[in-house]
Amino acid sequence: MIVAGRRQSEEALATGRGVTELVRDKGLLPAGTLAELLRPEAVAGPGQALV
């Protein structure tokens, strides 16, 4: 999963597209799963301050 994430981030940088857009367009994750993973609380981790 880490290698796949790296590939998406590299492609996003090279193309100027967002990682979310690339993952969605390629059908790598269902939309609901992607939205859940990218919630600020999920990204920051438990107990982390959201600024």
C-alpha atoms as a PDB file:
ATOM      1  CA  MET A   1       0.000   0.000   0.000  1.00  0.00           C
ATOM      2  CA  ILE A   2       2.870   2.380   0.758  1.00  0.00           C
ATOM      3  CA  VAL A   3       4.392   1.819  -2.690  1.00  0.00           C
ATOM      4  CA  ALA A   4       1.018   2.437  -4.347  1.00  0.00           C
ATOM      5  CA  GLY A   5       0.594   5.629  -2.314  1.00  0.00           C
ATOM      6  CA  ARG A   6       4.030   6.784  -3.344  1.00  0.00           C
ATOM      7  CA  ARG A   7       3.231   6.191  -7.002  1.00  0.00           C
ATOM      8  CA  GLN A   8       0.059   8.234  -6.710  1.00  0.00           C
ATOM      9  CA  SER A   9       1.836  11.093  -4.969  1.00  0.00           C
ATOM     10  CA  GLU A  10       4.608  11.105  -7.580  1.00  0.00           C
ATOM     11  CA  GLU A  11       2.052  11.163 -10.392  1.00  0.00           C
ATOM     12  CA  ALA A  12       0.132  13.951  -8.652  1.00  0.00           C
ATOM     13  CA  LEU A  13       3.286  16.062  -8.443  1.00  0.00           C
ATOM     14  CA  ALA A  14       4.221  15.353 -12.054  1.00  0.00           C
ATOM     15  CA  THR A  15       0.769  16.091 -13.470  1.00  0.00           C
ATOM     16  CA  GLY A  16      -0.512  18.748 -11.090  1.00  0.00           C
ATOM     17  CA  ARG A  17      -3.559  16.634 -10.283  1.00  0.00           C
ATOM     18  CA  GLY A  18      -4.621  15.869  -6.725  1.00  0.00           C
ATOM     19  CA  VAL A  19      -4.028  12.468  -5.159  1.00  0.00           C
ATOM     20  CA  THR A  20      -7.735  12.196  -4.369  1.00  0.00           C
ATOM     21  CA  GLU A  21      -8.593  12.833  -8.015  1.00  0.00           C
ATOM     22  CA  LEU A  22      -6.092  10.236  -9.255  1.00  0.00           C
ATOM     23  CA  VAL A  23      -7.235   7.550  -6.825  1.00  0.00           C
ATOM     24  CA  ARG A  24     -10.886   8.219  -7.637  1.00  0.00           C
ATOM     25  CA  ASP A  25     -10.367   8.291 -11.417  1.00  0.00           C
ATOM     26  CA  LYS A  26      -8.350   5.064 -11.375  1.00  0.00           C
ATOM     27  CA  GLY A  27     -10.931   3.338  -9.185  1.00  0.00           C
ATOM     28  CA  LEU A  28      -8.290   2.319  -6.649  1.00  0.00           C
ATOM     29  CA  LEU A  29     -10.643   2.789  -3.698  1.00  0.00           C
ATOM     30  CA  PRO A  30     -14.408   3.119  -3.382  1.00  0.00           C
ATOM     31  CA  ALA A  31     -15.467   6.771  -2.945  1.00  0.00           C
ATOM     32  CA  GLY A  32     -16.730   6.178   0.601  1.00  0.00           C
ATOM     33  CA  THR A  33     -13.488   4.529   1.691  1.00  0.00           C
ATOM     34  CA  LEU A  34     -11.417   7.327   0.182  1.00  0.00           C
ATOM     35  CA  ALA A  35     -13.536   9.967   1.918  1.00  0.00           C
ATOM     36  CA  GLU A  36     -13.205   8.151   5.243  1.00  0.00           C
ATOM     37  CA  LEU A  37      -9.416   7.821   4.924  1.00  0.00           C
ATOM     38  CA  LEU A  38      -9.001  11.498   4.063  1.00  0.00           C
ATOM     39  CA  ARG A  39     -11.103  12.924   6.907  1.00  0.00           C
ATOM     40  CA  PRO A  40      -8.940  15.358   8.908  1.00  0.00           C
ATOM     41  CA  GLU A  41      -9.389  13.242  12.042  1.00  0.00           C
ATOM     42  CA  ALA A  42      -8.172  10.134  10.242  1.00  0.00           C
ATOM     43  CA  VAL A  43      -5.167  11.907   8.727  1.00  0.00           C
ATOM     44  CA  ALA A  44      -4.121  13.675  11.955  1.00  0.00           C
ATOM     45  CA  GLY A  45      -4.549  10.592  14.104  1.00  0.00           C
ATOM     46  CA  PRO A  46      -6.352  10.114  17.387  1.00  0.00           C
ATOM     47  CA  GLY A  47      -5.826  12.820  19.980  1.00  0.00           C
ATOM     48  CA  GLN A  48      -4.105  15.222  17.594  1.00  0.00           C
ATOM     49  CA  ALA A  49      -5.162  18.851  17.463  1.00  0.00           C
ATOM     50  CA  LEU A  50      -6.809  19.910  14.224  1.00  0.00           C
ATOM     51  CA  VAL A  51      -5.706  23.422  13.391  1.00  0.00           C
END
